[in-house]
Amino acid sequence: MKIRYDRDTCIGMFQCVDEWDAFEKNLDDGKADLAGAEEVEDGVFEVEVPEDEEFDAEFSARVCPVDAIELYDDDGEQVV
């Protein structure tokens, strides 16, 4: 699985931080950071989700109030 995170869309509610440890609060910017992610487009980050963290990653995407987080399965289909 892969998480795709649009940091520019993030409004800093930090609900994702409560659900998955890979998201961290960046209080200076008022947005979340995705640890270990690679910037694939301007302001858009992706990271592979470890198998034992897929449940938490899915919930981090589901709780985002502005849909800044997308989750894709191994076939590239969007799950959330």
Protein backbone atom coordinates (compact mmCIF):
# COMPACT_ATOMS: atom_id res chain seq x y z
CA MET A 1 0.00 0.00 0.00
CA LYS A 2 0.99 3.57 -0.59
CA ILE A 3 -0.08 6.85 1.02
CA ARG A 4 -0.26 10.00 -1.08
CA TYR A 5 -0.39 13.21 0.95
CA ASP A 6 -1.15 16.66 -0.46
CA ARG A 7 0.47 18.94 2.10
CA ASP A 8 -0.83 22.11 0.43
CA THR A 9 -4.41 20.92 1.02
CA CYS A 10 -3.74 20.17 4.70
CA ILE A 11 -5.39 22.61 7.11
CA GLY A 12 -3.56 21.43 10.23
CA MET A 13 -6.31 19.65 12.17
CA PHE A 14 -3.73 16.91 12.92
CA GLN A 15 -6.34 14.14 13.06
CA CYS A 16 -4.00 12.02 10.94
CA VAL A 17 -1.32 12.37 13.63
CA ASP A 18 -3.66 10.75 16.16
CA GLU A 19 -4.25 7.77 13.85
CA TRP A 20 -0.82 6.94 12.41
CA ASP A 21 2.65 7.56 13.82
CA ALA A 22 4.09 8.36 10.38
CA PHE A 23 2.29 11.70 10.48
CA GLU A 24 3.91 14.31 12.71
CA LYS A 25 2.77 17.76 13.82
CA ASN A 26 4.68 20.65 12.30
CA LEU A 27 3.46 23.53 14.45
CA ASP A 28 5.72 26.03 12.70
CA ASP A 29 3.93 25.44 9.38
CA GLY A 30 0.56 24.49 10.88
CA LYS A 31 0.51 21.30 8.81
CA ALA A 32 1.33 17.64 9.24
CA ASP A 33 4.55 16.12 7.92
CA LEU A 34 4.72 12.56 6.59
CA ALA A 35 7.92 10.93 7.86
CA GLY A 36 10.05 9.17 5.27
CA ALA A 37 7.95 10.41 2.35
CA GLU A 38 9.31 11.45 -1.01
CA GLU A 39 8.02 14.61 -2.70
CA VAL A 40 6.66 13.41 -6.06
CA GLU A 41 5.06 16.69 -7.11
CA ASP A 42 5.17 20.17 -5.63
CA GLY A 43 3.67 19.74 -2.15
CA VAL A 44 2.61 16.12 -2.77
CA PHE A 45 4.36 13.33 -0.86
CA GLU A 46 4.23 9.54 -1.11
CA VAL A 47 5.44 6.72 1.11
CA GLU A 48 5.02 2.96 1.13
CA VAL A 49 3.00 1.70 4.08
CA PRO A 50 4.48 -1.19 6.06
CA GLU A 51 2.10 -4.16 6.20
CA ASP A 52 1.72 -3.98 9.97
CA GLU A 53 0.69 -0.31 9.73
CA GLU A 54 -1.93 -0.53 6.97
CA PHE A 55 -4.89 -0.29 9.35
CA ASP A 56 -3.56 2.88 10.99
CA ALA A 57 -2.64 4.39 7.62
CA GLU A 58 -6.15 3.77 6.32
CA PHE A 59 -7.70 5.51 9.31
CA SER A 60 -5.36 8.48 8.91
CA ALA A 61 -6.72 8.91 5.39
CA ARG A 62 -10.33 8.43 6.44
CA VAL A 63 -10.24 11.06 9.21
CA CYS A 64 -8.72 13.86 7.13
CA PRO A 65 -11.44 16.53 6.94
CA VAL A 66 -10.16 17.93 3.62
CA ASP A 67 -9.21 14.67 1.87
CA ALA A 68 -5.52 15.59 1.70
CA ILE A 69 -4.57 11.92 2.21
CA GLU A 70 -5.19 9.14 -0.30
CA LEU A 71 -4.46 5.44 0.18
CA TYR A 72 -3.68 3.13 -2.74
CA ASP A 73 -3.48 -0.67 -2.74
CA ASP A 74 -0.63 -2.61 -4.32
CA ASP A 75 -2.44 -2.62 -7.68
CA GLY A 76 -2.60 1.18 -7.71
CA GLU A 77 -6.33 1.34 -7.01
CA GLN A 78 -7.45 4.09 -4.65
CA VAL A 79 -8.84 2.64 -1.41
CA VAL A 80 -9.47 5.93 0.40
